[in-house]
């Protein structure tokens, strides 16, 4: 069931669009911010609140790679695997992150602290390699920086 806070935030998002369905991405982001992911039940509740079918909303949710349809960790690590990052040492960073976190892409650490995901572009090709944790972008990343970066997130 959507919480009163979630409903209020979704209703505020609806106020700035021409019709309720147009707030669907924002509504998904709002619920995900509260719950870390969008369950089937949450999706159905959001869809009903926006006068959409669950199938319509699911097609939106599964299109965007930043909407998570299965449980994720407290912090999402997005590792850019664009051509610029590949050229600038992405593979070494990837291997070091995988070793440090003891997980592969699409997995979550045993303590539910991190989920590791590839990302096709973080938009900072002039400062590759790059990674993002939650909303924090790290550019010109080196293996020596990884422990300090990851230790910031408890």
N, C-alpha and C. Protein backbone atom coordinates (compact mmCIF):
# COMPACT_ATOMS: atom_id res chain seq x y z
N UNK A 1 0.84 -1.18 0.00
CA UNK A 1 0.00 0.00 0.00
C UNK A 1 0.88 1.25 0.00
N UNK A 2 0.56 2.20 -0.86
CA UNK A 2 1.30 3.45 -0.88
C UNK A 2 1.10 4.18 0.45
N UNK A 3 2.19 4.74 0.97
CA UNK A 3 2.08 5.50 2.21
C UNK A 3 1.46 6.86 1.92
N UNK A 4 1.00 7.51 2.97
CA UNK A 4 0.44 8.86 2.81
C UNK A 4 1.49 9.82 2.25
N UNK A 5 2.72 9.66 2.70
CA UNK A 5 3.81 10.52 2.21
C UNK A 5 4.05 10.29 0.71
N UNK A 6 4.06 9.03 0.30
CA UNK A 6 4.24 8.72 -1.12
C UNK A 6 3.11 9.30 -1.96
N UNK A 7 1.87 9.11 -1.49
CA UNK A 7 0.71 9.64 -2.21
C UNK A 7 0.80 11.16 -2.32
N UNK A 8 1.17 11.81 -1.23
CA UNK A 8 1.30 13.27 -1.24
C UNK A 8 2.35 13.70 -2.27
N UNK A 9 3.51 13.07 -2.26
CA UNK A 9 4.57 13.44 -3.19
C UNK A 9 4.15 13.18 -4.64
N UNK A 10 3.49 12.06 -4.88
CA UNK A 10 3.01 11.77 -6.24
C UNK A 10 1.97 12.81 -6.67
N UNK A 11 1.07 13.14 -5.77
CA UNK A 11 0.05 14.14 -6.09
C UNK A 11 0.68 15.51 -6.40
N UNK A 12 1.76 15.84 -5.73
CA UNK A 12 2.46 17.09 -6.03
C UNK A 12 3.08 17.02 -7.43
N UNK A 13 3.61 15.87 -7.80
CA UNK A 13 4.18 15.70 -9.14
C UNK A 13 3.10 15.78 -10.21
N UNK A 14 1.94 15.27 -9.92
CA UNK A 14 0.82 15.30 -10.87
C UNK A 14 0.39 16.74 -11.16
N UNK A 15 0.52 17.60 -10.17
CA UNK A 15 0.07 19.00 -10.33
C UNK A 15 0.83 19.75 -11.43
N UNK A 16 2.02 19.30 -11.77
CA UNK A 16 2.85 20.07 -12.73
C UNK A 16 2.86 19.46 -14.14
N UNK A 17 2.02 18.47 -14.37
CA UNK A 17 1.93 17.85 -15.69
C UNK A 17 0.51 17.97 -16.23
N UNK A 18 0.34 17.84 -17.54
CA UNK A 18 -0.99 18.05 -18.11
C UNK A 18 -2.00 16.96 -17.79
N UNK A 19 -1.57 15.75 -17.52
CA UNK A 19 -2.48 14.67 -17.13
C UNK A 19 -1.73 13.67 -16.26
N UNK A 20 -2.47 12.90 -15.47
CA UNK A 20 -1.88 12.06 -14.43
C UNK A 20 -0.81 11.10 -14.95
N UNK A 21 -1.07 10.45 -16.08
CA UNK A 21 -0.12 9.47 -16.62
C UNK A 21 1.26 10.09 -16.87
N UNK A 22 1.28 11.37 -17.16
CA UNK A 22 2.54 12.05 -17.46
C UNK A 22 3.48 12.11 -16.25
N UNK A 23 2.96 11.83 -15.08
CA UNK A 23 3.78 11.84 -13.86
C UNK A 23 4.30 10.44 -13.52
N UNK A 24 4.14 9.49 -14.42
CA UNK A 24 4.47 8.10 -14.08
C UNK A 24 5.94 7.89 -13.74
N UNK A 25 6.84 8.51 -14.48
CA UNK A 25 8.27 8.32 -14.17
C UNK A 25 8.59 8.93 -12.81
N UNK A 26 8.08 10.11 -12.57
CA UNK A 26 8.31 10.76 -11.28
C UNK A 26 7.72 9.94 -10.14
N UNK A 27 6.54 9.38 -10.36
CA UNK A 27 5.90 8.55 -9.33
C UNK A 27 6.75 7.31 -9.03
N UNK A 28 7.28 6.69 -10.07
CA UNK A 28 8.16 5.53 -9.86
C UNK A 28 9.40 5.94 -9.06
N UNK A 29 9.98 7.08 -9.40
CA UNK A 29 11.16 7.55 -8.68
C UNK A 29 10.84 7.85 -7.23
N UNK A 30 9.68 8.43 -6.97
CA UNK A 30 9.28 8.76 -5.60
C UNK A 30 9.17 7.49 -4.76
N UNK A 31 8.46 6.50 -5.26
CA UNK A 31 8.29 5.26 -4.49
C UNK A 31 9.62 4.54 -4.34
N UNK A 32 10.42 4.54 -5.39
CA UNK A 32 11.73 3.91 -5.29
C UNK A 32 12.62 4.60 -4.26
N UNK A 33 12.53 5.90 -4.17
CA UNK A 33 13.32 6.64 -3.18
C UNK A 33 12.96 6.19 -1.76
N UNK A 34 11.70 5.87 -1.53
CA UNK A 34 11.26 5.42 -0.21
C UNK A 34 11.56 3.94 0.03
N UNK A 35 11.49 3.12 -1.01
CA UNK A 35 11.57 1.66 -0.82
C UNK A 35 12.80 1.00 -1.45
N UNK A 36 13.58 1.76 -2.21
CA UNK A 36 14.78 1.32 -2.92
C UNK A 36 14.50 0.52 -4.18
N UNK A 37 13.28 0.07 -4.41
CA UNK A 37 12.95 -0.65 -5.63
C UNK A 37 11.43 -0.64 -5.82
N UNK A 38 11.00 -1.09 -6.99
CA UNK A 38 9.57 -1.10 -7.31
C UNK A 38 9.10 -2.54 -7.40
N UNK A 39 8.37 -2.98 -6.40
CA UNK A 39 7.82 -4.34 -6.40
C UNK A 39 6.61 -4.39 -7.32
N UNK A 40 6.15 -5.60 -7.64
CA UNK A 40 4.95 -5.74 -8.46
C UNK A 40 3.75 -5.08 -7.77
N UNK A 41 3.66 -5.26 -6.46
CA UNK A 41 2.56 -4.66 -5.71
C UNK A 41 2.62 -3.13 -5.77
N UNK A 42 3.81 -2.58 -5.58
CA UNK A 42 3.97 -1.12 -5.65
C UNK A 42 3.60 -0.61 -7.04
N UNK A 43 4.04 -1.33 -8.06
CA UNK A 43 3.75 -0.93 -9.42
C UNK A 43 2.25 -0.87 -9.67
N UNK A 44 1.53 -1.87 -9.19
CA UNK A 44 0.08 -1.90 -9.37
C UNK A 44 -0.58 -0.74 -8.63
N UNK A 45 -0.11 -0.43 -7.44
CA UNK A 45 -0.68 0.67 -6.66
C UNK A 45 -0.41 2.02 -7.31
N UNK A 46 0.81 2.21 -7.81
CA UNK A 46 1.14 3.46 -8.50
C UNK A 46 0.27 3.60 -9.75
N UNK A 47 0.17 2.52 -10.52
CA UNK A 47 -0.63 2.54 -11.74
C UNK A 47 -2.08 2.91 -11.43
N UNK A 48 -2.66 2.29 -10.42
CA UNK A 48 -4.05 2.59 -10.06
C UNK A 48 -4.20 4.05 -9.66
N UNK A 49 -3.23 4.56 -8.92
CA UNK A 49 -3.28 5.96 -8.47
C UNK A 49 -3.21 6.92 -9.66
N UNK A 50 -2.51 6.51 -10.72
CA UNK A 50 -2.35 7.37 -11.89
C UNK A 50 -3.35 7.05 -13.01
N UNK A 51 -4.33 6.19 -12.70
CA UNK A 51 -5.33 5.78 -13.69
C UNK A 51 -4.69 5.14 -14.92
N UNK A 52 -3.71 4.26 -14.66
CA UNK A 52 -3.03 3.51 -15.72
C UNK A 52 -3.20 2.03 -15.44
N UNK A 53 -2.93 1.23 -16.44
CA UNK A 53 -2.87 -0.21 -16.19
C UNK A 53 -1.47 -0.54 -15.68
N UNK A 54 -1.37 -1.62 -14.96
CA UNK A 54 -0.07 -2.07 -14.47
C UNK A 54 0.86 -2.37 -15.63
N UNK A 55 0.31 -2.89 -16.72
CA UNK A 55 1.12 -3.21 -17.90
C UNK A 55 1.71 -1.95 -18.53
N UNK A 56 0.90 -0.89 -18.59
CA UNK A 56 1.42 0.38 -19.13
C UNK A 56 2.58 0.89 -18.28
N UNK A 57 2.39 0.88 -16.99
CA UNK A 57 3.43 1.40 -16.10
C UNK A 57 4.66 0.50 -16.10
N UNK A 58 4.46 -0.80 -16.17
CA UNK A 58 5.60 -1.72 -16.22
C UNK A 58 6.43 -1.48 -17.48
N UNK A 59 5.79 -1.15 -18.59
CA UNK A 59 6.55 -0.89 -19.81
C UNK A 59 7.43 0.35 -19.65
N UNK A 60 6.98 1.31 -18.88
CA UNK A 60 7.80 2.49 -18.58
C UNK A 60 8.92 2.11 -17.61
N UNK A 61 8.57 1.40 -16.55
CA UNK A 61 9.55 1.04 -15.51
C UNK A 61 10.68 0.19 -16.06
N UNK A 62 10.37 -0.73 -16.95
CA UNK A 62 11.41 -1.61 -17.47
C UNK A 62 12.22 -0.96 -18.58
N UNK A 63 11.75 0.16 -19.12
CA UNK A 63 12.51 0.87 -20.14
C UNK A 63 13.69 1.62 -19.52
N UNK A 64 13.51 2.16 -18.35
CA UNK A 64 14.53 2.99 -17.70
C UNK A 64 15.43 2.14 -16.81
N UNK A 65 16.74 2.24 -17.05
CA UNK A 65 17.66 1.41 -16.28
C UNK A 65 17.88 1.89 -14.85
N UNK A 66 17.32 3.03 -14.49
CA UNK A 66 17.48 3.53 -13.12
C UNK A 66 16.24 3.26 -12.26
N UNK A 67 15.29 2.53 -12.81
CA UNK A 67 14.14 2.06 -12.04
C UNK A 67 14.40 0.59 -11.77
N UNK A 68 14.47 0.23 -10.52
CA UNK A 68 14.86 -1.12 -10.13
C UNK A 68 13.63 -1.96 -9.81
N UNK A 69 13.48 -3.06 -10.55
CA UNK A 69 12.31 -3.93 -10.40
C UNK A 69 12.60 -5.15 -9.56
N UNK A 70 13.76 -5.18 -8.93
CA UNK A 70 14.06 -6.21 -7.95
C UNK A 70 14.85 -5.54 -6.83
N UNK A 71 14.88 -6.16 -5.65
CA UNK A 71 15.57 -5.52 -4.51
C UNK A 71 17.03 -5.19 -4.82
N UNK A 72 17.46 -4.06 -4.32
CA UNK A 72 18.85 -3.62 -4.49
C UNK A 72 19.41 -3.23 -3.12
N UNK A 73 20.70 -3.03 -3.09
CA UNK A 73 21.36 -2.62 -1.86
C UNK A 73 21.05 -1.17 -1.49
N UNK A 74 21.56 -0.77 -0.34
CA UNK A 74 21.35 0.62 0.12
C UNK A 74 22.01 1.62 -0.82
N UNK A 75 23.08 1.20 -1.49
CA UNK A 75 23.81 2.08 -2.40
C UNK A 75 23.99 1.37 -3.74
N UNK A 76 23.71 2.08 -4.80
CA UNK A 76 23.86 1.55 -6.15
C UNK A 76 25.17 2.06 -6.73
N UNK A 77 26.02 1.13 -7.15
CA UNK A 77 27.28 1.47 -7.80
C UNK A 77 27.08 1.28 -9.29
N UNK A 78 27.12 2.37 -10.04
CA UNK A 78 27.03 2.31 -11.49
C UNK A 78 28.43 2.51 -12.06
N UNK A 79 28.91 1.51 -12.74
CA UNK A 79 30.25 1.58 -13.31
C UNK A 79 30.12 1.79 -14.81
N UNK A 80 30.63 2.90 -15.30
CA UNK A 80 30.51 3.25 -16.71
C UNK A 80 31.36 2.31 -17.55
N UNK A 81 30.72 1.74 -18.57
CA UNK A 81 31.46 0.84 -19.48
C UNK A 81 31.43 1.36 -20.91
N UNK A 82 31.41 2.68 -21.05
CA UNK A 82 31.44 3.29 -22.38
C UNK A 82 32.81 3.09 -23.02
N UNK A 83 32.90 3.39 -24.31
CA UNK A 83 34.17 3.23 -25.02
C UNK A 83 35.26 4.10 -24.39
N UNK A 84 34.91 5.29 -23.96
CA UNK A 84 35.91 6.17 -23.33
C UNK A 84 36.46 5.54 -22.05
N UNK A 85 35.57 4.97 -21.24
CA UNK A 85 36.01 4.34 -20.01
C UNK A 85 36.84 3.08 -20.30
N UNK A 86 36.45 2.33 -21.33
CA UNK A 86 37.24 1.15 -21.71
C UNK A 86 38.66 1.56 -22.06
N UNK A 87 38.80 2.60 -22.87
CA UNK A 87 40.11 3.06 -23.30
C UNK A 87 40.95 3.54 -22.12
N UNK A 88 40.30 4.11 -21.14
CA UNK A 88 41.01 4.71 -20.00
C UNK A 88 41.16 3.77 -18.80
N UNK A 89 40.90 2.47 -18.96
CA UNK A 89 41.19 1.53 -17.89
C UNK A 89 40.00 0.98 -17.16
N UNK A 90 38.83 1.03 -17.77
CA UNK A 90 37.61 0.50 -17.15
C UNK A 90 37.79 -0.92 -16.62
N UNK A 91 38.42 -1.78 -17.40
CA UNK A 91 38.53 -3.20 -17.00
C UNK A 91 39.24 -3.36 -15.67
N UNK A 92 40.28 -2.58 -15.45
CA UNK A 92 41.02 -2.66 -14.19
C UNK A 92 40.16 -2.17 -13.01
N UNK A 93 39.42 -1.09 -13.24
CA UNK A 93 38.52 -0.57 -12.20
C UNK A 93 37.43 -1.61 -11.92
N UNK A 94 36.83 -2.14 -12.98
CA UNK A 94 35.77 -3.15 -12.84
C UNK A 94 36.27 -4.33 -12.00
N UNK A 95 37.43 -4.86 -12.37
CA UNK A 95 37.97 -6.02 -11.66
C UNK A 95 38.23 -5.70 -10.19
N UNK A 96 38.73 -4.51 -9.91
CA UNK A 96 39.01 -4.11 -8.53
C UNK A 96 37.72 -3.94 -7.72
N UNK A 97 36.69 -3.36 -8.32
CA UNK A 97 35.42 -3.19 -7.62
C UNK A 97 34.80 -4.56 -7.34
N UNK A 98 34.80 -5.44 -8.34
CA UNK A 98 34.26 -6.78 -8.16
C UNK A 98 35.00 -7.52 -7.05
N UNK A 99 36.31 -7.40 -7.03
CA UNK A 99 37.10 -8.07 -5.99
C UNK A 99 36.82 -7.46 -4.62
N UNK A 100 36.76 -6.15 -4.53
CA UNK A 100 36.53 -5.47 -3.25
C UNK A 100 35.14 -5.80 -2.69
N UNK A 101 34.12 -5.76 -3.56
CA UNK A 101 32.76 -5.98 -3.08
C UNK A 101 32.39 -7.46 -3.03
N UNK A 102 33.16 -8.29 -3.68
CA UNK A 102 32.92 -9.74 -3.74
C UNK A 102 31.57 -10.06 -4.38
N UNK A 103 31.22 -9.29 -5.42
CA UNK A 103 30.01 -9.53 -6.19
C UNK A 103 30.30 -9.24 -7.66
N UNK A 104 29.42 -9.72 -8.52
CA UNK A 104 29.48 -9.42 -9.95
C UNK A 104 28.34 -8.47 -10.29
N UNK A 105 28.31 -8.05 -11.56
CA UNK A 105 27.23 -7.18 -12.02
C UNK A 105 25.88 -7.80 -11.73
N UNK A 106 24.95 -6.97 -11.28
CA UNK A 106 23.60 -7.42 -11.00
C UNK A 106 23.42 -8.03 -9.63
N UNK A 107 24.48 -8.10 -8.86
CA UNK A 107 24.42 -8.72 -7.54
C UNK A 107 24.50 -7.67 -6.44
N UNK A 108 24.10 -8.08 -5.25
CA UNK A 108 24.12 -7.23 -4.08
C UNK A 108 25.01 -7.88 -3.03
N UNK A 109 25.77 -7.07 -2.31
CA UNK A 109 26.65 -7.60 -1.27
C UNK A 109 25.83 -8.28 -0.19
N UNK A 110 26.44 -9.21 0.51
CA UNK A 110 25.74 -9.98 1.55
C UNK A 110 25.11 -9.10 2.62
N UNK A 111 25.74 -7.97 2.90
CA UNK A 111 25.21 -7.06 3.92
C UNK A 111 24.19 -6.06 3.35
N UNK A 112 23.83 -6.23 2.09
CA UNK A 112 22.87 -5.36 1.39
C UNK A 112 23.35 -3.91 1.29
N UNK A 113 24.65 -3.72 1.38
CA UNK A 113 25.20 -2.37 1.33
C UNK A 113 25.28 -1.84 -0.11
N UNK A 114 25.74 -2.68 -1.05
CA UNK A 114 25.95 -2.25 -2.42
C UNK A 114 25.31 -3.20 -3.42
N UNK A 115 24.82 -2.63 -4.51
CA UNK A 115 24.46 -3.38 -5.71
C UNK A 115 25.31 -2.81 -6.82
N UNK A 116 25.92 -3.68 -7.61
CA UNK A 116 26.83 -3.26 -8.69
C UNK A 116 26.14 -3.45 -10.03
N UNK A 117 26.11 -2.37 -10.82
CA UNK A 117 25.48 -2.42 -12.14
C UNK A 117 26.36 -1.72 -13.18
N UNK A 118 26.39 -2.25 -14.40
CA UNK A 118 27.08 -1.53 -15.47
C UNK A 118 26.19 -0.39 -15.95
N UNK A 119 26.81 0.63 -16.51
CA UNK A 119 26.05 1.74 -17.08
C UNK A 119 26.71 2.13 -18.39
N UNK A 120 25.93 2.26 -19.45
CA UNK A 120 26.52 2.54 -20.77
C UNK A 120 27.13 3.93 -20.91
N UNK A 121 26.74 4.87 -20.08
CA UNK A 121 27.34 6.20 -20.16
C UNK A 121 26.93 7.03 -18.95
N UNK A 122 27.91 7.62 -18.30
CA UNK A 122 27.63 8.54 -17.20
C UNK A 122 27.84 9.99 -17.63
N UNK A 123 28.14 10.20 -18.91
CA UNK A 123 28.21 11.55 -19.46
C UNK A 123 29.43 12.34 -19.07
N UNK A 124 30.51 11.66 -18.77
CA UNK A 124 31.73 12.37 -18.39
C UNK A 124 32.94 11.76 -19.08
N UNK A 125 32.80 11.57 -20.39
CA UNK A 125 33.82 10.89 -21.18
C UNK A 125 35.18 11.57 -21.11
N UNK A 126 35.20 12.88 -20.89
CA UNK A 126 36.48 13.58 -20.80
C UNK A 126 37.18 13.34 -19.47
N UNK A 127 36.53 12.61 -18.56
CA UNK A 127 37.14 12.29 -17.27
C UNK A 127 36.96 10.81 -16.95
N UNK A 128 37.18 9.98 -17.94
CA UNK A 128 37.05 8.53 -17.77
C UNK A 128 38.31 7.97 -17.11
N UNK A 129 38.16 6.85 -16.41
CA UNK A 129 36.95 6.09 -16.13
C UNK A 129 36.13 6.74 -15.01
N UNK A 130 34.84 6.39 -15.03
CA UNK A 130 33.93 7.02 -14.09
C UNK A 130 33.02 5.99 -13.44
N UNK A 131 32.57 6.32 -12.25
CA UNK A 131 31.54 5.53 -11.59
C UNK A 131 30.66 6.47 -10.79
N UNK A 132 29.46 5.99 -10.50
CA UNK A 132 28.52 6.77 -9.72
C UNK A 132 27.99 5.90 -8.60
N UNK A 133 27.94 6.45 -7.41
CA UNK A 133 27.32 5.77 -6.28
C UNK A 133 26.19 6.66 -5.81
N UNK A 134 24.99 6.11 -5.87
CA UNK A 134 23.78 6.89 -5.61
C UNK A 134 23.77 8.10 -6.54
N UNK A 135 23.89 9.30 -6.01
CA UNK A 135 23.88 10.50 -6.85
C UNK A 135 25.26 11.14 -6.96
N UNK A 136 26.28 10.45 -6.45
CA UNK A 136 27.63 11.01 -6.43
C UNK A 136 28.45 10.47 -7.59
N UNK A 137 28.95 11.35 -8.43
CA UNK A 137 29.74 10.99 -9.60
C UNK A 137 31.22 11.09 -9.27
N UNK A 138 31.96 10.05 -9.61
CA UNK A 138 33.41 10.02 -9.42
C UNK A 138 34.06 9.91 -10.79
N UNK A 139 34.96 10.85 -11.07
CA UNK A 139 35.60 10.94 -12.38
C UNK A 139 37.09 10.71 -12.25
N UNK A 140 37.71 10.29 -13.35
CA UNK A 140 39.15 10.01 -13.36
C UNK A 140 39.51 9.02 -12.25
N UNK A 141 38.69 8.00 -12.09
CA UNK A 141 38.84 7.05 -10.99
C UNK A 141 40.08 6.18 -11.20
N UNK A 142 40.82 5.99 -10.11
CA UNK A 142 41.96 5.07 -10.12
C UNK A 142 41.70 3.97 -9.10
N UNK A 143 42.39 2.88 -9.27
CA UNK A 143 42.25 1.76 -8.33
C UNK A 143 42.61 2.21 -6.92
N UNK A 144 43.60 3.07 -6.80
CA UNK A 144 44.03 3.54 -5.48
C UNK A 144 42.94 4.33 -4.75
N UNK A 145 42.00 4.90 -5.46
CA UNK A 145 40.92 5.69 -4.86
C UNK A 145 39.74 4.84 -4.41
N UNK A 146 39.62 3.63 -4.92
CA UNK A 146 38.40 2.84 -4.70
C UNK A 146 38.06 2.61 -3.24
N UNK A 147 39.03 2.22 -2.43
CA UNK A 147 38.72 1.96 -1.02
C UNK A 147 38.16 3.21 -0.34
N UNK A 148 38.78 4.36 -0.57
CA UNK A 148 38.29 5.60 0.03
C UNK A 148 36.89 5.93 -0.45
N UNK A 149 36.65 5.74 -1.74
CA UNK A 149 35.31 6.04 -2.30
C UNK A 149 34.27 5.13 -1.66
N UNK A 150 34.50 3.83 -1.68
CA UNK A 150 33.52 2.88 -1.16
C UNK A 150 33.30 3.02 0.35
N UNK A 151 34.36 3.39 1.07
CA UNK A 151 34.24 3.52 2.52
C UNK A 151 33.36 4.69 2.95
N UNK A 152 33.04 5.60 2.04
CA UNK A 152 32.17 6.73 2.35
C UNK A 152 30.72 6.32 2.55
N UNK A 153 30.39 5.11 2.12
CA UNK A 153 29.00 4.66 2.10
C UNK A 153 28.79 3.54 3.11
N UNK A 154 28.05 3.85 4.18
CA UNK A 154 27.82 2.85 5.21
C UNK A 154 26.41 2.31 5.15
